Amino acid sequence: ERGMHVRPCTAFASLANRFNCDIFVLHHGDRFRGKTSMHLMSAWIQEDDEITVQCHGTDEKEAMDALGELIESLE
C-alpha cells in the first residue's frame, strides 16, 4: 500500500536472483535492475504506479510467472 519500499524491493530482488535471466523493471521511462533492491528503491515506485517487468534469458518464463505472483501478493 506504500509502493515499493524496502521490504517489497528486497523480496523482489531476492526472488529475481533465483533466476539466471536478466530482469529489469521499467517505471516512468527509466529502467532499473530487478536483482538489486537498492536500484529498485531508487525508482520510487508508488502505490498505483504502473511498472513493466522485463525478463530476458533461458528461464524468463519461470521468472516472469514467479515475479508476477509476488507482485500480486503485494497488492
N, C-alpha and C. Protein backbone atom coordinates (compact mmCIF):
# COMPACT_ATOMS: atom_id res chain seq x y z
N GLU A 1 0.81 -1.21 0.00
CA GLU A 1 0.00 0.00 0.00
C GLU A 1 0.85 1.26 0.00
N ARG A 2 2.14 1.14 0.30
CA ARG A 2 3.03 2.30 0.27
C ARG A 2 3.97 2.26 -0.92
N GLY A 3 3.68 1.39 -1.86
CA GLY A 3 4.55 1.28 -3.02
C GLY A 3 5.70 0.34 -2.75
N MET A 4 6.75 0.49 -3.53
CA MET A 4 7.91 -0.42 -3.42
C MET A 4 8.92 0.17 -2.45
N HIS A 5 8.68 -0.05 -1.17
CA HIS A 5 9.63 0.39 -0.15
C HIS A 5 10.61 -0.75 0.12
N VAL A 6 11.35 -0.71 1.21
CA VAL A 6 12.44 -1.65 1.46
C VAL A 6 11.99 -3.11 1.40
N ARG A 7 10.95 -3.47 2.10
CA ARG A 7 10.55 -4.87 2.18
C ARG A 7 10.16 -5.44 0.81
N PRO A 8 9.25 -4.81 0.05
CA PRO A 8 8.92 -5.39 -1.25
C PRO A 8 10.08 -5.36 -2.25
N CYS A 9 10.91 -4.33 -2.19
CA CYS A 9 12.07 -4.29 -3.10
C CYS A 9 13.03 -5.43 -2.79
N THR A 10 13.24 -5.69 -1.51
CA THR A 10 14.13 -6.78 -1.10
C THR A 10 13.54 -8.13 -1.51
N ALA A 11 12.23 -8.30 -1.32
CA ALA A 11 11.58 -9.55 -1.71
C ALA A 11 11.67 -9.76 -3.22
N PHE A 12 11.45 -8.70 -3.98
CA PHE A 12 11.51 -8.79 -5.45
C PHE A 12 12.92 -9.17 -5.88
N ALA A 13 13.93 -8.45 -5.38
CA ALA A 13 15.31 -8.71 -5.78
C ALA A 13 15.76 -10.11 -5.35
N SER A 14 15.36 -10.51 -4.17
CA SER A 14 15.72 -11.84 -3.67
C SER A 14 15.16 -12.93 -4.58
N LEU A 15 13.91 -12.80 -4.95
CA LEU A 15 13.29 -13.75 -5.86
C LEU A 15 13.93 -13.67 -7.25
N ALA A 16 14.17 -12.49 -7.74
CA ALA A 16 14.77 -12.30 -9.06
C ALA A 16 16.14 -12.97 -9.15
N ASN A 17 16.88 -12.95 -8.05
CA ASN A 17 18.23 -13.53 -8.04
C ASN A 17 18.22 -15.05 -8.11
N ARG A 18 17.08 -15.67 -7.99
CA ARG A 18 16.99 -17.13 -8.12
C ARG A 18 17.02 -17.57 -9.58
N PHE A 19 16.91 -16.62 -10.48
CA PHE A 19 16.83 -16.93 -11.90
C PHE A 19 18.09 -16.46 -12.62
N ASN A 20 18.40 -17.15 -13.72
CA ASN A 20 19.60 -16.81 -14.50
C ASN A 20 19.37 -15.67 -15.48
N CYS A 21 18.13 -15.43 -15.86
CA CYS A 21 17.84 -14.42 -16.87
C CYS A 21 18.07 -13.00 -16.33
N ASP A 22 18.20 -12.06 -17.24
CA ASP A 22 18.29 -10.65 -16.87
C ASP A 22 16.88 -10.15 -16.56
N ILE A 23 16.75 -9.37 -15.50
CA ILE A 23 15.44 -8.87 -15.08
C ILE A 23 15.54 -7.37 -14.87
N PHE A 24 14.60 -6.65 -15.49
CA PHE A 24 14.55 -5.20 -15.38
C PHE A 24 13.13 -4.77 -15.05
N VAL A 25 13.01 -3.63 -14.37
CA VAL A 25 11.72 -3.01 -14.09
C VAL A 25 11.72 -1.65 -14.76
N LEU A 26 10.70 -1.40 -15.57
CA LEU A 26 10.54 -0.11 -16.23
C LEU A 26 9.52 0.71 -15.46
N HIS A 27 9.88 1.96 -15.17
CA HIS A 27 8.99 2.85 -14.41
C HIS A 27 9.24 4.28 -14.87
N HIS A 28 8.20 4.94 -15.34
CA HIS A 28 8.27 6.33 -15.81
C HIS A 28 9.40 6.54 -16.81
N GLY A 29 9.56 5.58 -17.73
CA GLY A 29 10.55 5.72 -18.79
C GLY A 29 11.97 5.35 -18.41
N ASP A 30 12.20 4.98 -17.17
CA ASP A 30 13.53 4.58 -16.73
C ASP A 30 13.57 3.08 -16.51
N ARG A 31 14.76 2.50 -16.63
CA ARG A 31 14.94 1.06 -16.48
C ARG A 31 15.82 0.79 -15.27
N PHE A 32 15.35 -0.12 -14.41
CA PHE A 32 16.05 -0.44 -13.17
C PHE A 32 16.36 -1.93 -13.11
N ARG A 33 17.53 -2.26 -12.60
CA ARG A 33 17.91 -3.67 -12.46
C ARG A 33 17.03 -4.32 -11.39
N GLY A 34 16.40 -5.42 -11.76
CA GLY A 34 15.47 -6.09 -10.86
C GLY A 34 16.12 -6.98 -9.82
N LYS A 35 17.42 -7.21 -9.95
CA LYS A 35 18.11 -8.08 -9.00
C LYS A 35 18.83 -7.31 -7.91
N THR A 36 18.61 -5.99 -7.87
CA THR A 36 19.29 -5.14 -6.89
C THR A 36 18.25 -4.31 -6.15
N SER A 37 18.05 -4.61 -4.87
CA SER A 37 17.00 -3.92 -4.12
C SER A 37 17.25 -2.42 -4.03
N MET A 38 18.49 -2.00 -3.89
CA MET A 38 18.78 -0.56 -3.81
C MET A 38 18.43 0.14 -5.13
N HIS A 39 18.67 -0.53 -6.23
CA HIS A 39 18.34 0.06 -7.52
C HIS A 39 16.83 0.17 -7.67
N LEU A 40 16.10 -0.85 -7.23
CA LEU A 40 14.65 -0.80 -7.27
C LEU A 40 14.10 0.32 -6.38
N MET A 41 14.68 0.48 -5.20
CA MET A 41 14.20 1.54 -4.29
C MET A 41 14.42 2.92 -4.90
N SER A 42 15.46 3.06 -5.71
CA SER A 42 15.73 4.36 -6.33
C SER A 42 14.68 4.71 -7.39
N ALA A 43 13.84 3.75 -7.77
CA ALA A 43 12.79 4.01 -8.75
C ALA A 43 11.63 4.80 -8.15
N TRP A 44 11.52 4.80 -6.83
CA TRP A 44 10.43 5.50 -6.14
C TRP A 44 9.05 5.09 -6.68
N ILE A 45 8.82 3.79 -6.75
CA ILE A 45 7.55 3.27 -7.25
C ILE A 45 6.50 3.43 -6.16
N GLN A 46 5.48 4.19 -6.47
CA GLN A 46 4.42 4.49 -5.50
C GLN A 46 3.19 3.62 -5.76
N GLU A 47 2.31 3.58 -4.78
CA GLU A 47 1.06 2.85 -4.92
C GLU A 47 0.33 3.32 -6.17
N ASP A 48 -0.21 2.40 -6.92
CA ASP A 48 -0.97 2.63 -8.15
C ASP A 48 -0.10 3.04 -9.35
N ASP A 49 1.21 3.13 -9.19
CA ASP A 49 2.08 3.36 -10.34
C ASP A 49 2.10 2.10 -11.20
N GLU A 50 2.23 2.30 -12.49
CA GLU A 50 2.37 1.17 -13.40
C GLU A 50 3.84 0.89 -13.62
N ILE A 51 4.18 -0.40 -13.61
CA ILE A 51 5.54 -0.83 -13.92
C ILE A 51 5.46 -1.92 -14.99
N THR A 52 6.56 -2.10 -15.67
CA THR A 52 6.70 -3.20 -16.61
C THR A 52 7.91 -4.01 -16.18
N VAL A 53 7.73 -5.31 -16.08
CA VAL A 53 8.83 -6.21 -15.73
C VAL A 53 9.29 -6.89 -17.01
N GLN A 54 10.59 -6.83 -17.27
CA GLN A 54 11.17 -7.50 -18.44
C GLN A 54 12.11 -8.58 -17.97
N CYS A 55 11.97 -9.77 -18.53
CA CYS A 55 12.85 -10.88 -18.25
C CYS A 55 13.39 -11.39 -19.58
N HIS A 56 14.72 -11.52 -19.67
CA HIS A 56 15.36 -11.96 -20.91
C HIS A 56 16.39 -13.04 -20.58
N GLY A 57 16.16 -14.25 -21.09
CA GLY A 57 17.12 -15.32 -20.88
C GLY A 57 16.46 -16.68 -20.84
N THR A 58 17.24 -17.66 -20.47
CA THR A 58 16.80 -19.06 -20.56
C THR A 58 15.60 -19.39 -19.68
N ASP A 59 15.48 -18.79 -18.54
CA ASP A 59 14.37 -19.10 -17.63
C ASP A 59 13.42 -17.92 -17.45
N GLU A 60 13.28 -17.13 -18.51
CA GLU A 60 12.48 -15.90 -18.44
C GLU A 60 11.01 -16.17 -18.11
N LYS A 61 10.43 -17.24 -18.65
CA LYS A 61 9.01 -17.52 -18.38
C LYS A 61 8.80 -17.83 -16.91
N GLU A 62 9.66 -18.67 -16.36
CA GLU A 62 9.55 -19.03 -14.94
C GLU A 62 9.73 -17.80 -14.06
N ALA A 63 10.68 -16.95 -14.43
CA ALA A 63 10.93 -15.73 -13.65
C ALA A 63 9.72 -14.80 -13.71
N MET A 64 9.18 -14.61 -14.89
CA MET A 64 8.03 -13.72 -15.06
C MET A 64 6.83 -14.23 -14.25
N ASP A 65 6.59 -15.53 -14.31
CA ASP A 65 5.47 -16.11 -13.56
C ASP A 65 5.66 -15.90 -12.05
N ALA A 66 6.85 -16.19 -11.55
CA ALA A 66 7.12 -16.06 -10.12
C ALA A 66 7.05 -14.61 -9.66
N LEU A 67 7.62 -13.70 -10.43
CA LEU A 67 7.60 -12.28 -10.06
C LEU A 67 6.20 -11.71 -10.16
N GLY A 68 5.43 -12.16 -11.13
CA GLY A 68 4.04 -11.73 -11.25
C GLY A 68 3.23 -12.14 -10.03
N GLU A 69 3.44 -13.38 -9.57
CA GLU A 69 2.75 -13.85 -8.36
C GLU A 69 3.15 -13.01 -7.15
N LEU A 70 4.43 -12.69 -7.05
CA LEU A 70 4.91 -11.88 -5.94
C LEU A 70 4.25 -10.50 -5.96
N ILE A 71 4.23 -9.87 -7.12
CA ILE A 71 3.65 -8.53 -7.23
C ILE A 71 2.17 -8.57 -6.86
N GLU A 72 1.46 -9.58 -7.33
CA GLU A 72 0.03 -9.70 -6.98
C GLU A 72 -0.16 -9.89 -5.48
N SER A 73 0.74 -10.60 -4.83
CA SER A 73 0.60 -10.82 -3.39
C SER A 73 0.88 -9.55 -2.59
N LEU A 74 1.58 -8.59 -3.19
CA LEU A 74 1.89 -7.33 -2.50
C LEU A 74 0.76 -6.33 -2.59
N GLU A 75 -0.20 -6.56 -3.50
CA GLU A 75 -1.28 -5.60 -3.70
C GLU A 75 -2.29 -5.66 -2.58
